[in-house]
Amino acid sequence: MTGGAGFIGYHVIKRLFADAQQSTIVNVDNVNDYYDVRLKEYRLRELDRLKPDAISYTFKKTFTYNEDTFFST
């Protein structure tokens, strides 16, 4: 999921947490300052808190897709 710290991405990941079973979710976001970074950081903390045990969830802070970064989880 790209943009998982933003409004839409955050809610999509929350939905995946609720619906997906034994899945791997990689959240990639650059957490830019287009709007309040504190809100994005709050969302990321919430995703960490809400993650079900059956889901593998990783957050990667990066600006663009980089295969080495993306697949080094």
Protein backbone atom coordinates (compact mmCIF):
# COMPACT_ATOMS: atom_id res chain seq x y z
CA MET A 1 0.00 0.00 0.00
CA THR A 2 1.45 3.35 -0.97
CA GLY A 3 0.42 6.39 1.03
CA GLY A 4 -0.66 4.42 4.08
CA ALA A 5 -0.11 7.37 6.43
CA GLY A 6 -2.61 9.45 4.48
CA PHE A 7 -6.37 9.48 4.93
CA ILE A 8 -7.33 6.97 2.25
CA GLY A 9 -4.38 4.61 2.69
CA TYR A 10 -4.86 4.52 6.47
CA HIS A 11 -8.50 3.52 6.10
CA VAL A 12 -7.73 0.93 3.42
CA ILE A 13 -5.15 -0.70 5.69
CA LYS A 14 -7.60 -0.70 8.59
CA ARG A 15 -10.11 -2.46 6.32
CA LEU A 16 -7.48 -4.98 5.26
CA PHE A 17 -6.74 -5.64 8.93
CA ALA A 18 -10.42 -6.43 9.42
CA ASP A 19 -10.97 -8.51 6.28
CA ALA A 20 -7.66 -10.14 5.32
CA GLN A 21 -6.47 -13.30 7.00
CA GLN A 22 -2.84 -14.39 7.28
CA SER A 23 -1.69 -11.63 4.93
CA THR A 24 1.37 -9.47 4.53
CA ILE A 25 0.87 -5.72 4.23
CA VAL A 26 3.72 -3.35 3.44
CA ASN A 27 2.87 0.31 3.98
CA VAL A 28 5.11 2.65 1.96
CA ASP A 29 4.85 6.39 2.64
CA ASN A 30 7.27 9.31 2.58
CA VAL A 31 5.35 11.12 5.36
CA ASN A 32 5.79 14.48 3.62
CA ASP A 33 4.65 17.77 5.12
CA TYR A 34 1.87 18.44 2.61
CA TYR A 35 -0.33 18.51 5.71
CA ASP A 36 0.37 18.00 9.42
CA VAL A 37 2.97 15.27 9.84
CA ARG A 38 1.78 14.69 13.42
CA LEU A 39 -1.52 13.40 12.05
CA LYS A 40 0.30 10.98 9.76
CA GLU A 41 2.51 9.81 12.63
CA TYR A 42 -0.60 9.28 14.77
CA ARG A 43 -2.15 7.14 12.02
CA LEU A 44 1.01 5.04 11.78
CA ARG A 45 0.99 4.45 15.55
CA GLU A 46 -2.68 3.47 15.35
CA LEU A 47 -1.96 0.97 12.58
CA ASP A 48 0.76 -0.58 14.73
CA ARG A 49 -1.69 -0.79 17.62
CA LEU A 50 -4.58 -2.21 15.54
CA LYS A 51 -2.60 -4.85 13.62
CA PRO A 52 -4.08 -8.32 14.16
CA ASP A 53 -1.71 -11.14 15.11
CA ALA A 54 -2.48 -13.05 11.89
CA ILE A 55 -1.26 -10.15 9.71
CA SER A 56 2.35 -9.32 8.96
CA TYR A 57 2.54 -5.51 8.77
CA THR A 58 5.59 -3.38 7.99
CA PHE A 59 5.96 0.35 7.47
CA LYS A 60 8.68 1.64 5.12
CA LYS A 61 9.38 5.36 5.03
CA THR A 62 10.56 6.09 1.52
CA PHE A 63 9.77 8.63 -1.15
CA THR A 64 9.65 6.51 -4.27
CA TYR A 65 9.34 2.86 -5.04
CA ASN A 66 12.72 1.26 -4.61
CA GLU A 67 12.80 -2.50 -5.11
CA ASP A 68 15.65 -3.01 -2.62
CA THR A 69 13.79 -1.10 0.10
CA PHE A 70 10.42 -2.62 -0.73
CA PHE A 71 11.53 -6.24 -0.65
CA SER A 72 13.93 -6.05 2.29
CA THR A 73 11.25 -6.65 4.94
